[in-house]
PDB file of N, CA and C in Angstrom:
ATOM      1  N   MET A   1      62.418  35.948 -32.818  1.00  0.00           N
ATOM      2  CA  MET A   1      62.806  34.949 -33.771  1.00  0.00           C
ATOM      3  C   MET A   1      64.348  34.351 -33.671  1.00  0.00           C
ATOM      4  N   THR A   2      63.974  33.125 -33.836  1.00  0.00           N
ATOM      5  CA  THR A   2      65.704  32.945 -33.850  1.00  0.00           C
ATOM      6  C   THR A   2      66.100  32.549 -34.536  1.00  0.00           C
ATOM      7  N   GLU A   3      67.216  32.379 -34.690  1.00  0.00           N
ATOM      8  CA  GLU A   3      67.992  32.715 -36.345  1.00  0.00           C
ATOM      9  C   GLU A   3      67.611  31.406 -37.146  1.00  0.00           C
ATOM     10  N   ALA A   4      67.486  30.637 -36.568  1.00  0.00           N
ATOM     11  CA  ALA A   4      66.516  28.760 -37.148  1.00  0.00           C
ATOM     12  C   ALA A   4      65.440  29.255 -37.899  1.00  0.00           C
ATOM     13  N   GLU A   5      64.975  30.068 -36.642  1.00  0.00           N
ATOM     14  CA  GLU A   5      63.370  30.444 -37.379  1.00  0.00           C
ATOM     15  C   GLU A   5      63.084  31.726 -38.845  1.00  0.00           C
ATOM     16  N   GLN A   6      64.645  32.422 -38.692  1.00  0.00           N
ATOM     17  CA  GLN A   6      64.660  33.235 -39.226  1.00  0.00           C
ATOM     18  C   GLN A   6      65.042  33.014 -40.930  1.00  0.00           C
ATOM     19  N   LEU A   7      66.027  32.091 -41.195  1.00  0.00           N
ATOM     20  CA  LEU A   7      66.047  31.108 -42.194  1.00  0.00           C
ATOM     21  C   LEU A   7      65.090  30.279 -42.670  1.00  0.00           C
ATOM     22  N   VAL A   8      64.267  29.642 -41.794  1.00  0.00           N
ATOM     23  CA  VAL A   8      62.974  29.069 -42.303  1.00  0.00           C
ATOM     24  C   VAL A   8      62.258  30.116 -43.235  1.00  0.00           C
ATOM     25  N   ALA A   9      62.063  31.385 -42.431  1.00  0.00           N
ATOM     26  CA  ALA A   9      61.256  31.906 -43.069  1.00  0.00           C
ATOM     27  C   ALA A   9      61.522  32.606 -44.435  1.00  0.00           C
ATOM     28  N   GLN A  10      63.041  32.646 -44.022  1.00  0.00           N
ATOM     29  CA  GLN A  10      63.807  33.653 -45.125  1.00  0.00           C
ATOM     30  C   GLN A  10      63.486  32.416 -46.680  1.00  0.00           C
ATOM     31  N   PHE A  11      63.311  31.255 -46.710  1.00  0.00           N
ATOM     32  CA  PHE A  11      63.515  29.728 -47.051  1.00  0.00           C
ATOM     33  C   PHE A  11      62.182  29.822 -47.445  1.00  0.00           C
ATOM     34  N   LYS A  12      60.948  30.047 -46.483  1.00  0.00           N
ATOM     35  CA  LYS A  12      59.763  29.940 -47.160  1.00  0.00           C
ATOM     36  C   LYS A  12      59.279  31.266 -48.297  1.00  0.00           C
ATOM     37  N   GLU A  13      59.933  32.296 -48.153  1.00  0.00           N
ATOM     38  CA  GLU A  13      59.131  33.168 -49.072  1.00  0.00           C
ATOM     39  C   GLU A  13      60.335  33.443 -49.986  1.00  0.00           C
ATOM     40  N   GLU A  14      61.801  32.740 -50.455  1.00  0.00           N
ATOM     41  CA  GLU A  14      62.233  32.238 -51.604  1.00  0.00           C
ATOM     42  C   GLU A  14      61.588  31.787 -53.140  1.00  0.00           C
ATOM     43  N   ARG A  15      60.925  30.567 -51.530  1.00  0.00           N
ATOM     44  CA  ARG A  15      59.945  29.289 -52.478  1.00  0.00           C
ATOM     45  C   ARG A  15      59.151  29.895 -53.346  1.00  0.00           C
ATOM     46  N   GLN A  16      58.498  30.313 -52.457  1.00  0.00           N
ATOM     47  CA  GLN A  16      57.596  30.780 -52.463  1.00  0.00           C
ATOM     48  C   GLN A  16      56.861  32.855 -53.603  1.00  0.00           C
ATOM     49  N   ALA A  17      58.018  32.577 -53.484  1.00  0.00           N
ATOM     50  CA  ALA A  17      57.590  33.836 -53.916  1.00  0.00           C
ATOM     51  C   ALA A  17      58.291  33.337 -56.157  1.00  0.00           C
ATOM     52  N   LEU A  18      59.229  31.625 -55.763  1.00  0.00           N
ATOM     53  CA  LEU A  18      59.384  30.921 -57.360  1.00  0.00           C
ATOM     54  C   LEU A  18      58.664  29.772 -58.164  1.00  0.00           C
ATOM     55  N   GLY A  19      57.266  30.347 -57.203  1.00  0.00           N
ATOM     56  CA  GLY A  19      55.996  28.621 -57.430  1.00  0.00           C
ATOM     57  C   GLY A  19      56.972  27.793 -56.852  1.00  0.00           C
ATOM     58  N   PHE A  20      56.264  26.650 -56.825  1.00  0.00           N
ATOM     59  CA  PHE A  20      56.468  24.949 -56.761  1.00  0.00           C
ATOM     60  C   PHE A  20      55.635  24.764 -55.824  1.00  0.00           C
ATOM     61  N   TYR A  21      55.228  23.363 -56.396  1.00  0.00           N
ATOM     62  CA  TYR A  21      54.361  21.942 -55.011  1.00  0.00           C
ATOM     63  C   TYR A  21      55.246  21.124 -54.726  1.00  0.00           C
ATOM     64  N   THR A  22      54.456  21.324 -53.668  1.00  0.00           N
ATOM     65  CA  THR A  22      55.098  20.540 -52.729  1.00  0.00           C
ATOM     66  C   THR A  22      53.735  19.023 -51.943  1.00  0.00           C
ATOM     67  N   ILE A  23      55.168  18.031 -51.779  1.00  0.00           N
ATOM     68  CA  ILE A  23      53.844  16.687 -52.082  1.00  0.00           C
ATOM     69  C   ILE A  23      54.102  16.096 -50.915  1.00  0.00           C
ATOM     70  N   ALA A  24      53.174  15.888 -49.532  1.00  0.00           N
ATOM     71  CA  ALA A  24      53.721  15.871 -47.963  1.00  0.00           C
ATOM     72  C   ALA A  24      52.777  14.559 -47.237  1.00  0.00           C
ATOM     73  N   ILE A  25      53.223  13.596 -46.412  1.00  0.00           N
ATOM     74  CA  ILE A  25      51.855  12.779 -46.035  1.00  0.00           C
ATOM     75  C   ILE A  25      50.916  13.598 -44.887  1.00  0.00           C
ATOM     76  N   TYR A  26      49.760  13.229 -45.632  1.00  0.00           N
ATOM     77  CA  TYR A  26      48.810  14.224 -44.839  1.00  0.00           C
ATOM     78  C   TYR A  26      48.244  12.733 -43.866  1.00  0.00           C
ATOM     79  N   LEU A  27      48.214  13.018 -42.582  1.00  0.00           N
ATOM     80  CA  LEU A  27      46.340  12.237 -41.360  1.00  0.00           C
ATOM     81  C   LEU A  27      45.714  13.390 -41.626  1.00  0.00           C
ATOM     82  N   ILE A  28      44.905  11.916 -42.667  1.00  0.00           N
ATOM     83  CA  ILE A  28      43.223  13.122 -42.379  1.00  0.00           C
ATOM     84  C   ILE A  28      42.522  12.175 -41.862  1.00  0.00           C
ATOM     85  N   ASP A  29      41.086  12.965 -41.131  1.00  0.00           N
ATOM     86  CA  ASP A  29      40.386  11.828 -40.538  1.00  0.00           C
ATOM     87  C   ASP A  29      39.520  13.179 -40.504  1.00  0.00           C
ATOM     88  N   ARG A  30      38.198  12.821 -39.749  1.00  0.00           N
ATOM     89  CA  ARG A  30      36.777  13.442 -39.974  1.00  0.00           C
ATOM     90  C   ARG A  30      36.415  14.563 -38.740  1.00  0.00           C
ATOM     91  N   ALA A  31      36.048  15.030 -38.719  1.00  0.00           N
ATOM     92  CA  ALA A  31      35.918  16.302 -37.227  1.00  0.00           C
ATOM     93  C   ALA A  31      34.174  16.105 -37.689  1.00  0.00           C
ATOM     94  N   PHE A  32      33.854  16.643 -36.622  1.00  0.00           N
ATOM     95  CA  PHE A  32      31.976  16.496 -36.401  1.00  0.00           C
ATOM     96  C   PHE A  32      31.916  17.927 -36.427  1.00  0.00           C
ATOM     97  N   GLY A  33      31.180  18.711 -37.353  1.00  0.00           N
ATOM     98  CA  GLY A  33      30.691  19.444 -37.648  1.00  0.00           C
ATOM     99  C   GLY A  33      29.486  20.348 -36.489  1.00  0.00           C
ATOM    100  N   GLY A  34      28.298  19.700 -36.826  1.00  0.00           N
ATOM    101  CA  GLY A  34      27.578  20.252 -35.818  1.00  0.00           C
ATOM    102  C   GLY A  34      26.294  18.946 -35.085  1.00  0.00           C
ATOM    103  N   HIS A  35      24.880  19.073 -34.981  1.00  0.00           N
ATOM    104  CA  HIS A  35      24.151  18.444 -34.871  1.00  0.00           C
ATOM    105  C   HIS A  35      22.615  18.715 -35.546  1.00  0.00           C
ATOM    106  N   GLU A  36      22.786  19.890 -36.756  1.00  0.00           N
ATOM    107  CA  GLU A  36      21.789  20.731 -37.797  1.00  0.00           C
ATOM    108  C   GLU A  36      21.585  18.764 -38.605  1.00  0.00           C
ATOM    109  N   GLU A  37      20.506  18.772 -39.265  1.00  0.00           N
ATOM    110  CA  GLU A  37      20.072  17.622 -39.481  1.00  0.00           C
ATOM    111  C   GLU A  37      20.271  16.053 -39.130  1.00  0.00           C
ATOM    112  N   GLY A  38      20.803  15.658 -37.702  1.00  0.00           N
ATOM    113  CA  GLY A  38      21.161  14.430 -37.334  1.00  0.00           C
ATOM    114  C   GLY A  38      22.436  14.197 -37.332  1.00  0.00           C
ATOM    115  N   GLY A  39      23.448  14.975 -37.513  1.00  0.00           N
ATOM    116  CA  GLY A  39      24.880  15.502 -37.277  1.00  0.00           C
ATOM    117  C   GLY A  39      25.449  15.520 -38.934  1.00  0.00           C
ATOM    118  N   TRP A  40      26.595  16.059 -38.286  1.00  0.00           N
ATOM    119  CA  TRP A  40      27.768  16.479 -40.123  1.00  0.00           C
ATOM    120  C   TRP A  40      29.306  16.478 -40.028  1.00  0.00           C
ATOM    121  N   TYR A  41      29.613  15.760 -40.549  1.00  0.00           N
ATOM    122  CA  TYR A  41      30.658  16.187 -40.255  1.00  0.00           C
ATOM    123  C   TYR A  41      31.884  16.250 -41.564  1.00  0.00           C
ATOM    124  N   TYR A  42      33.145  16.547 -41.162  1.00  0.00           N
ATOM    125  CA  TYR A  42      33.628  17.228 -42.409  1.00  0.00           C
ATOM    126  C   TYR A  42      34.893  16.793 -42.016  1.00  0.00           C
ATOM    127  N   ASP A  43      36.416  16.384 -43.699  1.00  0.00           N
ATOM    128  CA  ASP A  43      37.081  16.254 -43.198  1.00  0.00           C
ATOM    129  C   ASP A  43      38.436  17.255 -42.788  1.00  0.00           C
ATOM    130  N   CYS A  44      38.939  16.602 -42.754  1.00  0.00           N
ATOM    131  CA  CYS A  44      40.237  17.588 -42.328  1.00  0.00           C
ATOM    132  C   CYS A  44      41.065  16.716 -42.532  1.00  0.00           C
ATOM    133  N   GLY A  45      42.419  17.479 -42.772  1.00  0.00           N
ATOM    134  CA  GLY A  45      44.020  16.933 -42.848  1.00  0.00           C
ATOM    135  C   GLY A  45      44.897  18.305 -42.445  1.00  0.00           C
ATOM    136  N   THR A  46      46.415  17.838 -41.451  1.00  0.00           N
ATOM    137  CA  THR A  46      47.074  17.913 -41.562  1.00  0.00           C
ATOM    138  C   THR A  46      48.280  17.290 -41.209  1.00  0.00           C
ATOM    139  N   PRO A  47      49.021  18.229 -41.849  1.00  0.00           N
ATOM    140  CA  PRO A  47      50.564  17.750 -42.275  1.00  0.00           C
ATOM    141  C   PRO A  47      50.952  17.090 -41.667  1.00  0.00           C
ATOM    142  N   TYR A  48      51.877  15.645 -41.470  1.00  0.00           N
ATOM    143  CA  TYR A  48      52.365  14.350 -40.898  1.00  0.00           C
ATOM    144  C   TYR A  48      53.940  14.909 -40.832  1.00  0.00           C
ATOM    145  N   LEU A  49      54.189  15.511 -39.636  1.00  0.00           N
ATOM    146  CA  LEU A  49      55.636  16.024 -40.200  1.00  0.00           C
ATOM    147  C   LEU A  49      56.813  15.059 -39.304  1.00  0.00           C
ATOM    148  N   GLU A  50      56.845  13.748 -38.617  1.00  0.00           N
ATOM    149  CA  GLU A  50      57.438  12.842 -38.197  1.00  0.00           C
ATOM    150  C   GLU A  50      58.807  12.116 -39.470  1.00  0.00           C
ATOM    151  N   PRO A  51      59.391  12.147 -38.451  1.00  0.00           N
ATOM    152  CA  PRO A  51      60.806  11.499 -39.746  1.00  0.00           C
ATOM    153  C   PRO A  51      60.668  10.717 -40.064  1.00  0.00           C
ATOM    154  N   GLU A  52      59.743   9.690 -40.261  1.00  0.00           N
ATOM    155  CA  GLU A  52      59.738   9.409 -41.209  1.00  0.00           C
ATOM    156  C   GLU A  52      58.934   9.642 -42.782  1.00  0.00           C
ATOM    157  N   ALA A  53      57.986  10.551 -42.292  1.00  0.00           N
ATOM    158  CA  ALA A  53      57.355  11.406 -43.588  1.00  0.00           C
ATOM    159  C   ALA A  53      57.390  11.821 -43.649  1.00  0.00           C
ATOM    160  N   ALA A  54      59.028  12.544 -42.881  1.00  0.00           N
ATOM    161  CA  ALA A  54      59.435  13.720 -43.970  1.00  0.00           C
ATOM    162  C   ALA A  54      60.610  13.580 -44.701  1.00  0.00           C
ATOM    163  N   LEU A  55      60.886  12.126 -45.054  1.00  0.00           N
ATOM    164  CA  LEU A  55      62.187  10.992 -46.092  1.00  0.00           C
ATOM    165  C   LEU A  55      61.341  11.116 -46.915  1.00  0.00           C
ATOM    166  N   HIS A  56      59.963  11.255 -46.905  1.00  0.00           N
ATOM    167  CA  HIS A  56      59.048  11.467 -48.581  1.00  0.00           C
ATOM    168  C   HIS A  56      58.862  12.449 -48.994  1.00  0.00           C
ATOM    169  N   MET A  57      58.722  13.727 -48.379  1.00  0.00           N
ATOM    170  CA  MET A  57      58.817  15.339 -48.733  1.00  0.00           C
ATOM    171  C   MET A  57      58.916  15.167 -49.389  1.00  0.00           C
ATOM    172  N   ARG A  58      59.028  15.904 -50.904  1.00  0.00           N
ATOM    173  CA  ARG A  58      59.336  16.508 -52.172  1.00  0.00           C
ATOM    174  C   ARG A  58      59.361  18.080 -52.413  1.00  0.00           C
ATOM    175  N   ALA A  59      59.193  19.023 -53.566  1.00  0.00           N
ATOM    176  CA  ALA A  59      58.872  19.971 -53.728  1.00  0.00           C
ATOM    177  C   ALA A  59      59.380  19.974 -55.195  1.00  0.00           C
ATOM    178  N   PHE A  60      58.636  19.995 -55.939  1.00  0.00           N
ATOM    179  CA  PHE A  60      58.331  20.185 -57.726  1.00  0.00           C
ATOM    180  C   PHE A  60      58.553  21.644 -57.982  1.00  0.00           C
ATOM    181  N   ASP A  61      58.661  21.862 -59.027  1.00  0.00           N
ATOM    182  CA  ASP A  61      58.526  22.769 -60.480  1.00  0.00           C
ATOM    183  C   ASP A  61      57.141  22.427 -60.814  1.00  0.00           C
ATOM    184  N   ARG A  62      57.109  21.351 -61.473  1.00  0.00           N
ATOM    185  CA  ARG A  62      55.954  21.215 -61.971  1.00  0.00           C
ATOM    186  C   ARG A  62      54.862  20.523 -61.766  1.00  0.00           C
ATOM    187  N   LEU A  63      53.377  20.947 -61.780  1.00  0.00           N
ATOM    188  CA  LEU A  63      52.552  20.492 -62.202  1.00  0.00           C
ATOM    189  C   LEU A  63      52.292  19.278 -61.804  1.00  0.00           C
ATOM    190  N   SER A  64      52.800  18.563 -63.070  1.00  0.00           N
ATOM    191  CA  SER A  64      52.558  16.759 -63.149  1.00  0.00           C
ATOM    192  C   SER A  64      53.576  16.380 -62.166  1.00  0.00           C
ATOM    193  N   ASP A  65      55.198  16.687 -62.367  1.00  0.00           N
ATOM    194  CA  ASP A  65      55.559  15.387 -61.594  1.00  0.00           C
ATOM    195  C   ASP A  65      55.305  15.947 -60.044  1.00  0.00           C
ATOM    196  N   ALA A  66      54.253  16.070 -59.552  1.00  0.00           N
ATOM    197  CA  ALA A  66      53.467  16.626 -58.624  1.00  0.00           C
ATOM    198  C   ALA A  66      52.740  15.301 -58.276  1.00  0.00           C
ATOM    199  N   GLU A  67      52.121  15.177 -59.312  1.00  0.00           N
ATOM    200  CA  GLU A  67      51.609  14.418 -59.065  1.00  0.00           C
ATOM    201  C   GLU A  67      51.746  13.490 -59.075  1.00  0.00           C
ATOM    202  N   ASN A  68      52.761  13.126 -60.153  1.00  0.00           N
ATOM    203  CA  ASN A  68      53.128  12.133 -60.612  1.00  0.00           C
ATOM    204  C   ASN A  68      53.957  10.588 -59.056  1.00  0.00           C
ATOM    205  N   TYR A  69      54.871  11.885 -58.467  1.00  0.00           N
ATOM    206  CA  TYR A  69      54.949  11.402 -56.818  1.00  0.00           C
ATOM    207  C   TYR A  69      53.796  10.883 -55.908  1.00  0.00           C
ATOM    208  N   THR A  70      52.507  11.551 -56.458  1.00  0.00           N
ATOM    209  CA  THR A  70      51.933  11.185 -55.216  1.00  0.00           C
ATOM    210  C   THR A  70      51.222  10.390 -55.511  1.00  0.00           C
ATOM    211  N   ALA A  71      50.828  10.166 -57.052  1.00  0.00           N
ATOM    212  CA  ALA A  71      50.580   8.796 -57.247  1.00  0.00           C
ATOM    213  C   ALA A  71      51.427   8.084 -56.025  1.00  0.00           C
ATOM    214  N   TYR A  72      52.785   7.395 -56.567  1.00  0.00           N
ATOM    215  CA  TYR A  72      53.615   6.780 -56.201  1.00  0.00           C
ATOM    216  C   TYR A  72      52.886   6.408 -55.014  1.00  0.00           C
ATOM    217  N   LEU A  73      53.501   7.370 -54.434  1.00  0.00           N
ATOM    218  CA  LEU A  73      52.833   6.914 -52.488  1.00  0.00           C
ATOM    219  C   LEU A  73      52.170   6.264 -52.285  1.00  0.00           C
ATOM    220  N   ASN A  74      50.892   6.994 -52.755  1.00  0.00           N
ATOM    221  CA  ASN A  74      49.771   6.625 -52.604  1.00  0.00           C
ATOM    222  C   ASN A  74      49.165   5.096 -52.642  1.00  0.00           C
ATOM    223  N   LEU A  75      50.081   4.753 -54.073  1.00  0.00           N
ATOM    224  CA  LEU A  75      50.084   3.330 -54.315  1.00  0.00           C
ATOM    225  C   LEU A  75      50.942   2.385 -53.782  1.00  0.00           C
ATOM    226  N   THR A  76      52.037   2.870 -53.318  1.00  0.00           N
ATOM    227  CA  THR A  76      53.828   1.707 -53.091  1.00  0.00           C
ATOM    228  C   THR A  76      53.481   2.043 -51.663  1.00  0.00           C
ATOM    229  N   VAL A  77      53.931   3.773 -50.943  1.00  0.00           N
ATOM    230  CA  VAL A  77      54.222   4.069 -49.460  1.00  0.00           C
ATOM    231  C   VAL A  77      53.459   3.261 -48.434  1.00  0.00           C
ATOM    232  N   ILE A  78      51.947   4.457 -48.928  1.00  0.00           N
ATOM    233  CA  ILE A  78      50.681   4.433 -48.292  1.00  0.00           C
ATOM    234  C   ILE A  78      49.735   3.073 -47.392  1.00  0.00           C
ATOM    235  N   PRO A  79      49.928   1.902 -48.620  1.00  0.00           N
ATOM    236  CA  PRO A  79      48.488   1.346 -48.390  1.00  0.00           C
ATOM    237  C   PRO A  79      49.535   0.825 -46.650  1.00  0.00           C
ATOM    238  N   ASP A  80      50.745   0.677 -46.959  1.00  0.00           N
ATOM    239  CA  ASP A  80      51.550   0.152 -45.390  1.00  0.00           C
ATOM    240  C   ASP A  80      51.672   0.086 -44.387  1.00  0.00           C
ATOM    241  N   TRP A  81      51.344   2.040 -44.394  1.00  0.00           N
ATOM    242  CA  TRP A  81      51.076   3.017 -43.693  1.00  0.00           C
ATOM    243  C   TRP A  81      49.518   2.495 -42.988  1.00  0.00           C
ATOM    244  N   ASN A  82      48.404   2.598 -43.318  1.00  0.00           N
ATOM    245  CA  ASN A  82      47.069   2.171 -43.416  1.00  0.00           C
ATOM    246  C   ASN A  82      46.562   0.417 -43.099  1.00  0.00           C
ATOM    247  N   GLU A  83      47.534   0.254 -43.543  1.00  0.00           N
ATOM    248  CA  GLU A  83      47.281  -0.916 -42.487  1.00  0.00           C
ATOM    249  C   GLU A  83      46.449  -1.269 -41.363  1.00  0.00           C
ATOM    250  N   GLY A  84      45.773  -2.401 -40.951  1.00  0.00           N
ATOM    251  CA  GLY A  84      45.131  -2.138 -39.832  1.00  0.00           C
ATOM    252  C   GLY A  84      44.238  -0.290 -38.962  1.00  0.00           C
ATOM    253  N   ARG A  85      44.318   0.068 -39.848  1.00  0.00           N
ATOM    254  CA  ARG A  85      43.678   1.696 -39.746  1.00  0.00           C
ATOM    255  C   ARG A  85      42.778   1.136 -40.005  1.00  0.00           C
ATOM    256  N   ALA A  86      40.929   1.772 -39.410  1.00  0.00           N
ATOM    257  CA  ALA A  86      40.057   2.290 -39.889  1.00  0.00           C
ATOM    258  C   ALA A  86      40.155   2.916 -40.736  1.00  0.00           C
ATOM    259  N   GLU A  87      38.892   2.833 -41.172  1.00  0.00           N
ATOM    260  CA  GLU A  87      38.574   3.769 -41.814  1.00  0.00           C
ATOM    261  C   GLU A  87      38.121   5.064 -41.802  1.00  0.00           C
ATOM    262  N   VAL A  88      37.891   6.485 -42.227  1.00  0.00           N
ATOM    263  CA  VAL A  88      37.733   7.465 -41.464  1.00  0.00           C
ATOM    264  C   VAL A  88      36.563   7.336 -41.581  1.00  0.00           C
ATOM    265  N   SER A  89      35.588   6.830 -42.339  1.00  0.00           N
ATOM    266  CA  SER A  89      34.156   7.276 -41.704  1.00  0.00           C
ATOM    267  C   SER A  89      33.478   6.146 -40.563  1.00  0.00           C
ATOM    268  N   SER A  90      35.010   5.199 -39.398  1.00  0.00           N
ATOM    269  CA  SER A  90      34.860   4.483 -39.075  1.00  0.00           C
ATOM    270  C   SER A  90      34.518   5.563 -37.520  1.00  0.00           C
ATOM    271  N   VAL A  91      33.347   4.934 -36.906  1.00  0.00           N
ATOM    272  CA  VAL A  91      33.788   5.920 -35.210  1.00  0.00           C
ATOM    273  C   VAL A  91      34.962   5.283 -34.964  1.00  0.00           C
ATOM    274  N   LEU A  92      35.340   4.238 -34.628  1.00  0.00           N
ATOM    275  CA  LEU A  92      37.192   4.150 -34.451  1.00  0.00           C
ATOM    276  C   LEU A  92      37.607   4.608 -35.032  1.00  0.00           C
ATOM    277  N   SER A  93      37.488   5.037 -36.531  1.00  0.00           N
ATOM    278  CA  SER A  93      39.257   5.971 -36.737  1.00  0.00           C
ATOM    279  C   SER A  93      39.836   6.873 -36.249  1.00  0.00           C
ATOM    280  N   GLU A  94      41.107   6.147 -36.399  1.00  0.00           N
ATOM    281  CA  GLU A  94      42.190   7.610 -35.499  1.00  0.00           C
ATOM    282  C   GLU A  94      42.765   8.222 -37.043  1.00  0.00           C
ATOM    283  N   GLY A  95      41.919   8.114 -37.805  1.00  0.00           N
ATOM    284  CA  GLY A  95      42.847   8.672 -39.173  1.00  0.00           C
ATOM    285  C   GLY A  95      42.970   7.719 -40.123  1.00  0.00           C
ATOM    286  N   GLN A  96      43.667   8.224 -41.406  1.00  0.00           N
ATOM    287  CA  GLN A  96      44.242   7.032 -42.843  1.00  0.00           C
ATOM    288  C   GLN A  96      44.966   8.578 -42.793  1.00  0.00           C
ATOM    289  N   TYR A  97      46.561   7.579 -43.749  1.00  0.00           N
ATOM    290  CA  TYR A  97      47.522   8.927 -43.748  1.00  0.00           C
ATOM    291  C   TYR A  97      47.117   8.666 -45.364  1.00  0.00           C
ATOM    292  N   LYS A  98      48.006   9.614 -46.298  1.00  0.00           N
ATOM    293  CA  LYS A  98      47.555  10.063 -48.128  1.00  0.00           C
ATOM    294  C   LYS A  98      48.010  11.107 -48.097  1.00  0.00           C
ATOM    295  N   ALA A  99      49.215  10.596 -49.294  1.00  0.00           N
ATOM    296  CA  ALA A  99      49.934  11.212 -49.391  1.00  0.00           C
ATOM    297  C   ALA A  99      49.101  12.661 -50.531  1.00  0.00           C
ATOM    298  N   LEU A 100      49.319  14.212 -50.222  1.00  0.00           N
ATOM    299  CA  LEU A 100      48.719  15.091 -51.422  1.00  0.00           C
ATOM    300  C   LEU A 100      49.646  16.698 -51.961  1.00  0.00           C
ATOM    301  N   TRP A 101      49.387  16.774 -52.939  1.00  0.00           N
ATOM    302  CA  TRP A 101      50.332  17.219 -53.324  1.00  0.00           C
ATOM    303  C   TRP A 101      49.487  19.412 -52.714  1.00  0.00           C
ATOM    304  N   SER A 102      49.921  20.195 -53.222  1.00  0.00           N
ATOM    305  CA  SER A 102      49.506  21.709 -52.310  1.00  0.00           C
ATOM    306  C   SER A 102      51.201  23.012 -53.028  1.00  0.00           C
ATOM    307  N   GLU A 103      50.884  23.920 -53.497  1.00  0.00           N
ATOM    308  CA  GLU A 103      50.731  24.818 -53.458  1.00  0.00           C
ATOM    309  C   GLU A 103      51.651  25.592 -52.305  1.00  0.00           C
ATOM    310  N   GLY A 104      53.305  25.738 -52.533  1.00  0.00           N
ATOM    311  CA  GLY A 104      53.840  26.422 -51.688  1.00  0.00           C
ATOM    312  C   GLY A 104      53.037  25.320 -50.872  1.00  0.00           C
ATOM    313  N   PHE A 105      54.145  25.279 -49.387  1.00  0.00           N
ATOM    314  CA  PHE A 105      53.956  24.378 -47.871  1.00  0.00           C
ATOM    315  C   PHE A 105      52.862  24.101 -47.088  1.00  0.00           C
ATOM    316  N   PRO A 106      53.218  22.741 -47.442  1.00  0.00           N
ATOM    317  CA  PRO A 106      51.849  22.077 -46.659  1.00  0.00           C
ATOM    318  C   PRO A 106      51.367  22.883 -45.496  1.00  0.00           C
ATOM    319  N   GLN A 107      49.692  23.171 -45.688  1.00  0.00           N
ATOM    320  CA  GLN A 107      48.977  23.401 -44.240  1.00  0.00           C
ATOM    321  C   GLN A 107      48.439  22.567 -44.181  1.00  0.00           C
ATOM    322  N   PRO A 108      47.605  22.456 -42.977  1.00  0.00           N
ATOM    323  CA  PRO A 108      47.009  21.910 -42.528  1.00  0.00           C
ATOM    324  C   PRO A 108      45.050  22.573 -43.027  1.00  0.00           C
ATOM    325  N   PHE A 109      43.735  20.973 -43.569  1.00  0.00           N
ATOM    326  CA  PHE A 109      42.734  21.261 -43.997  1.00  0.00           C
ATOM    327  C   PHE A 109      41.527  21.085 -43.104  1.00  0.00           C
ATOM    328  N   PRO A 110      40.374  21.934 -43.478  1.00  0.00           N
ATOM    329  CA  PRO A 110      40.007  23.357 -43.838  1.00  0.00           C
ATOM    330  C   PRO A 110      40.900  24.193 -43.266  1.00  0.00           C
ATOM    331  N   THR A 111      40.857  25.121 -43.424  1.00  0.00           N
ATOM    332  CA  THR A 111      41.748  26.447 -43.105  1.00  0.00           C
ATOM    333  C   THR A 111      40.745  27.139 -41.797  1.00  0.00           C
ATOM    334  N   SER A 112      39.849  27.043 -42.401  1.00  0.00           N
ATOM    335  CA  SER A 112      38.613  27.751 -41.222  1.00  0.00           C
ATOM    336  C   SER A 112      37.490  26.463 -41.112  1.00  0.00           C
ATOM    337  N   ARG A 113      36.921  26.160 -39.919  1.00  0.00           N
ATOM    338  CA  ARG A 113      35.666  25.119 -39.848  1.00  0.00           C
ATOM    339  C   ARG A 113      34.566  25.387 -40.215  1.00  0.00           C
ATOM    340  N   PRO A 114      33.934  24.494 -41.357  1.00  0.00           N
ATOM    341  CA  PRO A 114      32.969  24.654 -42.234  1.00  0.00           C
ATOM    342  C   PRO A 114      31.283  24.837 -41.655  1.00  0.00           C
ATOM    343  N   HIS A 115      30.572  25.641 -42.184  1.00  0.00           N
ATOM    344  CA  HIS A 115      30.000  25.661 -41.262  1.00  0.00           C
ATOM    345  C   HIS A 115      28.461  25.072 -42.406  1.00  0.00           C
ATOM    346  N   TYR A 116      27.219  24.699 -41.769  1.00  0.00           N
ATOM    347  CA  TYR A 116      25.992  23.665 -41.836  1.00  0.00           C
ATOM    348  C   TYR A 116      25.194  24.758 -43.090  1.00  0.00           C
ATOM    349  N   GLU A 117      25.113  24.176 -44.615  1.00  0.00           N
ATOM    350  CA  GLU A 117      23.829  24.949 -45.030  1.00  0.00           C
ATOM    351  C   GLU A 117      23.192  24.365 -45.328  1.00  0.00           C
TER     352      GLU A 117
END
């Protein structure tokens, strides 16, 4: 592990111990789940960590602050990013951007592939 990776790991460990909420911009899309019942899909999301999105990342100690900032991004910044992009439900979709809050550091979701029930 490089020195930079050690510093990042240490920072993450310290912040996790404190408890915090992170706001990040995700690219949300649909993934094919399987052929059961004529085919089914599920929503998935990946933190979008390009520089233009990283500028909007924030961490808050209070959930209400995290929710307010998430709503602000989804009302002001995100609509411009999604302009001209097909809805997630469309076969032409390449995903839609959405600001989401999470406990700790942003992680892709779902953590495991769902199965049909």
